[in-house]
Amino acid sequence: MILYVTSNLFKPLFVEREMKKFLKGFGIIISIIAVLVLAIILLLPWMDKKGSTQAEREMVFAGDELIKSSSRVMNRGITIQASPEEIYPWIIQTGADKSGMYSYTWLENLVGCEMAKDEVIRPEWQNLQVGDLMKMCAGDFAPPPYEVALIEPDSTVVFGHKDKDQWVEIWSFGLLPQADGSTRLIARTQTTMVGGIWEIVRPISFVMEQKMLATIKDLAEN
């Protein structure tokens, strides 16, 4: 009888102790998530202009006129020790059924977005035309493909998405030759798709695009 009463007296203490441990652990998790979210929010302006100069961000690129009013503009750049003529063939081979997206293939495959990733210059892929589709995934499961909006050989390639025959997003790649023989590759995104899920996609697309630019640089230089 005494043991029974004693054990019942300790039960509330045990439950209270466990609850405190749970709340402490839950609080730590929430704090970590809050810090990560805050860090991402603070870093987003930096992500949107990573690698680009003020002059490049203010520069008018071919294709800018296609989208009437964008809610967000992102410019990211990289210097490549190669000529525009050596870089351009890789850009027009972008696509899941061609050279891939030049990004983290293991991550793309993980979500069921398979990539051909044939990173070799192929003559049959060098005839990209306005209106052609650039697939984001090789399989049936895929986000809407980009459409080729504009091409200026060895200078600019613009992909985009339309809604009711109006461009709502354009993704352009501009090649700017430099005096020392190198080339600045500027990836510019202009979009009307902001808020909600797009704010989650935004840092993910930054990471994927950084890898893409680095891969194109490596391929063109080698």
Protein backbone atom coordinates (compact mmCIF):
# COMPACT_ATOMS: atom_id res chain seq x y z
CA MET A 1 0.00 0.00 0.00
CA ILE A 2 2.83 2.45 0.95
CA LEU A 3 4.72 1.60 -2.26
CA TYR A 4 1.59 2.19 -4.33
CA VAL A 5 0.96 5.60 -2.75
CA THR A 6 4.63 6.59 -3.13
CA SER A 7 4.73 5.62 -6.83
CA ASN A 8 1.60 7.66 -7.47
CA LEU A 9 3.15 10.67 -5.78
CA PHE A 10 6.18 10.49 -8.09
CA LYS A 11 4.15 10.12 -11.32
CA PRO A 12 3.24 13.83 -11.60
CA LEU A 13 6.88 14.75 -10.96
CA PHE A 14 8.05 12.36 -13.67
CA VAL A 15 5.47 13.65 -16.16
CA GLU A 16 6.36 17.25 -15.36
CA ARG A 17 10.07 16.54 -15.81
CA GLU A 18 9.50 14.80 -19.16
CA MET A 19 7.25 17.63 -20.31
CA LYS A 20 9.95 20.17 -19.47
CA LYS A 21 12.51 18.15 -21.45
CA PHE A 22 10.13 17.95 -24.41
CA LEU A 23 9.38 21.67 -24.34
CA LYS A 24 13.08 22.49 -24.05
CA GLY A 25 13.92 20.28 -27.05
CA PHE A 26 10.98 21.68 -29.03
CA GLY A 27 12.09 25.20 -28.20
CA ILE A 28 15.62 24.47 -29.44
CA ILE A 29 14.26 23.09 -32.74
CA ILE A 30 12.00 26.12 -33.24
CA SER A 31 14.92 28.44 -32.44
CA ILE A 32 17.14 26.69 -35.02
CA ILE A 33 14.41 26.90 -37.67
CA ALA A 34 13.85 30.58 -36.86
CA VAL A 35 17.58 31.33 -37.16
CA LEU A 36 17.77 29.50 -40.51
CA VAL A 37 14.71 31.30 -41.86
CA LEU A 38 16.10 34.66 -40.69
CA ALA A 39 19.49 33.90 -42.22
CA ILE A 40 17.89 33.00 -45.55
CA ILE A 41 15.76 36.16 -45.51
CA LEU A 42 18.82 38.31 -44.77
CA LEU A 43 20.89 36.54 -47.41
CA LEU A 44 18.28 36.68 -50.20
CA PRO A 45 19.31 40.15 -51.46
CA TRP A 46 22.92 38.90 -51.65
CA MET A 47 21.79 35.71 -53.42
CA ASP A 48 19.88 37.76 -56.00
CA LYS A 49 23.03 39.59 -57.14
CA LYS A 50 25.78 37.07 -56.35
CA GLY A 51 28.80 37.49 -58.63
CA SER A 52 27.37 40.41 -60.62
CA THR A 53 28.55 44.01 -60.63
CA GLN A 54 26.41 47.12 -60.27
CA ALA A 55 27.10 47.97 -63.91
CA GLU A 56 26.02 44.50 -65.05
CA ARG A 57 22.83 44.71 -63.01
CA GLU A 58 21.98 48.05 -64.64
CA MET A 59 22.87 46.83 -68.14
CA VAL A 60 20.09 46.28 -70.66
CA PHE A 61 20.23 42.74 -72.05
CA ALA A 62 18.61 41.40 -75.18
CA GLY A 63 15.27 39.93 -74.15
CA ASP A 64 14.65 42.33 -71.27
CA GLU A 65 11.82 43.85 -73.28
CA LEU A 66 9.92 40.55 -73.43
CA ILE A 67 8.55 40.80 -69.91
CA LYS A 68 6.47 43.92 -69.41
CA SER A 69 6.65 44.28 -65.62
CA SER A 70 8.68 41.90 -63.47
CA SER A 71 8.19 41.71 -59.71
CA ARG A 72 11.73 40.51 -59.12
CA VAL A 73 15.01 40.63 -61.02
CA MET A 74 18.01 38.44 -60.15
CA ASN A 75 21.49 38.78 -61.67
CA ARG A 76 24.23 36.26 -61.02
CA GLY A 77 27.57 36.23 -62.75
CA ILE A 78 30.82 34.36 -63.18
CA THR A 79 34.08 35.00 -65.04
CA ILE A 80 35.11 32.30 -67.50
CA GLN A 81 38.55 32.07 -69.05
CA ALA A 82 37.18 31.34 -72.50
CA SER A 83 35.65 33.22 -75.41
CA PRO A 84 31.88 33.62 -75.93
CA GLU A 85 32.19 31.26 -78.90
CA GLU A 86 33.53 28.55 -76.57
CA ILE A 87 30.82 29.06 -73.95
CA TYR A 88 27.75 29.51 -76.13
CA PRO A 89 27.58 25.87 -77.39
CA TRP A 90 27.21 24.64 -73.79
CA ILE A 91 24.39 27.05 -73.02
CA ILE A 92 22.25 26.03 -75.99
CA GLN A 93 22.66 22.37 -75.01
CA THR A 94 20.97 23.06 -71.67
CA GLY A 95 18.07 20.68 -71.09
CA ALA A 96 17.30 17.46 -69.28
CA ASP A 97 17.31 15.45 -72.52
CA LYS A 98 20.62 16.96 -73.66
CA SER A 99 23.54 18.04 -71.47
CA GLY A 100 21.29 18.36 -68.42
CA MET A 101 20.97 21.45 -66.24
CA TYR A 102 24.68 21.43 -65.27
CA SER A 103 23.69 21.31 -61.61
CA TYR A 104 23.44 18.73 -58.80
CA THR A 105 22.32 15.68 -60.79
CA TRP A 106 22.10 13.47 -57.69
CA LEU A 107 19.59 15.89 -56.18
CA GLU A 108 17.59 16.13 -59.39
CA ASN A 109 17.47 12.33 -59.66
CA LEU A 110 16.45 12.08 -56.00
CA VAL A 111 13.20 13.93 -56.71
CA GLY A 112 12.58 11.85 -59.83
CA CYS A 113 13.86 14.46 -62.28
CA GLU A 114 16.25 12.40 -64.36
CA MET A 115 18.97 14.05 -66.41
CA ALA A 116 20.66 12.77 -69.54
CA LYS A 117 23.78 14.76 -68.55
CA ASP A 118 25.57 14.19 -71.85
CA GLU A 119 28.27 16.81 -71.34
CA VAL A 120 29.77 16.64 -74.83
CA ILE A 121 29.30 19.19 -77.61
CA ARG A 122 27.05 17.51 -80.17
CA PRO A 123 26.37 19.07 -83.60
CA GLU A 124 22.74 17.87 -83.60
CA TRP A 125 22.07 20.00 -80.50
CA GLN A 126 23.61 23.16 -81.95
CA ASN A 127 20.57 24.23 -83.98
CA LEU A 128 18.42 25.60 -81.16
CA GLN A 129 15.58 27.77 -82.47
CA VAL A 130 13.13 30.26 -80.99
CA GLY A 131 10.05 28.33 -79.88
CA ASP A 132 11.95 25.14 -79.02
CA LEU A 133 11.33 23.66 -75.57
CA MET A 134 14.01 23.29 -72.92
CA LYS A 135 13.01 20.43 -70.64
CA MET A 136 13.65 20.60 -66.91
CA CYS A 137 13.27 16.82 -66.52
CA ALA A 138 13.79 14.02 -69.02
CA GLY A 139 10.93 11.83 -67.72
CA ASP A 140 7.17 12.28 -67.65
CA PHE A 141 7.28 13.85 -64.20
CA ALA A 142 8.46 17.38 -64.81
CA PRO A 143 7.74 21.04 -64.21
CA PRO A 144 6.63 22.97 -67.32
CA PRO A 145 9.49 23.21 -69.81
CA TYR A 146 11.03 26.55 -70.69
CA GLU A 147 10.49 27.93 -74.17
CA VAL A 148 13.31 29.49 -76.15
CA ALA A 149 12.32 33.16 -76.35
CA LEU A 150 15.35 34.71 -78.08
CA ILE A 151 18.73 33.73 -79.46
CA GLU A 152 21.67 35.88 -80.47
CA PRO A 153 24.51 33.49 -81.45
CA ASP A 154 27.59 33.70 -79.22
CA SER A 155 25.92 36.47 -77.23
CA THR A 156 22.54 35.76 -75.62
CA VAL A 157 20.13 32.90 -74.99
CA VAL A 158 16.77 33.59 -73.36
CA PHE A 159 14.44 30.92 -72.01
CA GLY A 160 11.03 31.73 -70.57
CA HIS A 161 7.59 30.74 -69.38
CA LYS A 162 4.35 32.12 -70.79
CA ASP A 163 0.88 32.52 -69.40
CA LYS A 164 -1.88 33.38 -71.87
CA ASP A 165 0.71 34.33 -74.49
CA GLN A 166 2.44 36.73 -72.10
CA TRP A 167 5.92 36.12 -70.74
CA VAL A 168 5.71 35.81 -66.95
CA GLU A 169 9.32 34.71 -66.46
CA ILE A 170 12.47 34.95 -68.52
CA TRP A 171 15.83 33.37 -67.77
CA SER A 172 18.58 34.88 -69.89
CA PHE A 173 22.25 34.07 -70.31
CA GLY A 174 24.36 36.95 -71.53
CA LEU A 175 27.98 36.62 -72.66
CA LEU A 176 30.11 39.73 -72.19
CA PRO A 177 33.64 39.50 -73.68
CA GLN A 178 36.39 41.17 -71.63
CA ALA A 179 39.58 42.93 -72.71
CA ASP A 180 41.78 40.22 -71.16
CA GLY A 181 40.19 37.47 -73.27
CA SER A 182 37.87 36.18 -70.56
CA THR A 183 34.06 36.35 -70.68
CA ARG A 184 31.51 37.37 -68.10
CA LEU A 185 28.51 35.03 -68.05
CA ILE A 186 25.48 36.73 -66.52
CA ALA A 187 22.37 34.73 -65.68
CA ARG A 188 19.43 37.11 -65.30
CA THR A 189 16.00 36.02 -64.11
CA GLN A 190 12.99 38.31 -64.36
CA THR A 191 9.74 36.99 -62.95
CA THR A 192 6.25 37.93 -61.87
CA MET A 193 6.01 34.78 -59.74
CA VAL A 194 6.70 35.89 -56.17
CA GLY A 195 5.37 35.14 -52.70
CA GLY A 196 4.21 31.86 -51.20
CA ILE A 197 5.92 28.76 -52.60
CA TRP A 198 8.20 30.93 -54.77
CA GLU A 199 9.96 32.25 -51.67
CA ILE A 200 10.85 28.66 -50.77
CA VAL A 201 12.00 27.94 -54.31
CA ARG A 202 14.13 31.09 -54.41
CA PRO A 203 17.11 29.96 -52.26
CA ILE A 204 16.94 26.47 -53.78
CA SER A 205 17.18 27.90 -57.30
CA PHE A 206 20.14 30.03 -56.16
CA VAL A 207 22.08 26.95 -55.02
CA MET A 208 21.26 25.04 -58.21
CA GLU A 209 22.15 27.97 -60.47
CA GLN A 210 25.48 28.56 -58.73
CA LYS A 211 26.43 24.97 -59.49
CA MET A 212 25.21 25.41 -63.06
CA LEU A 213 27.41 28.46 -63.68
CA ALA A 214 30.42 26.74 -62.11
CA THR A 215 29.91 23.66 -64.30
CA ILE A 216 29.60 25.69 -67.51
CA LYS A 217 32.79 27.53 -66.53
CA ASP A 218 34.62 24.23 -65.98
CA LEU A 219 33.39 22.73 -69.27
CA ALA A 220 34.24 25.81 -71.32
CA GLU A 221 37.70 26.23 -69.82
CA ASN A 222 38.58 22.58 -70.28
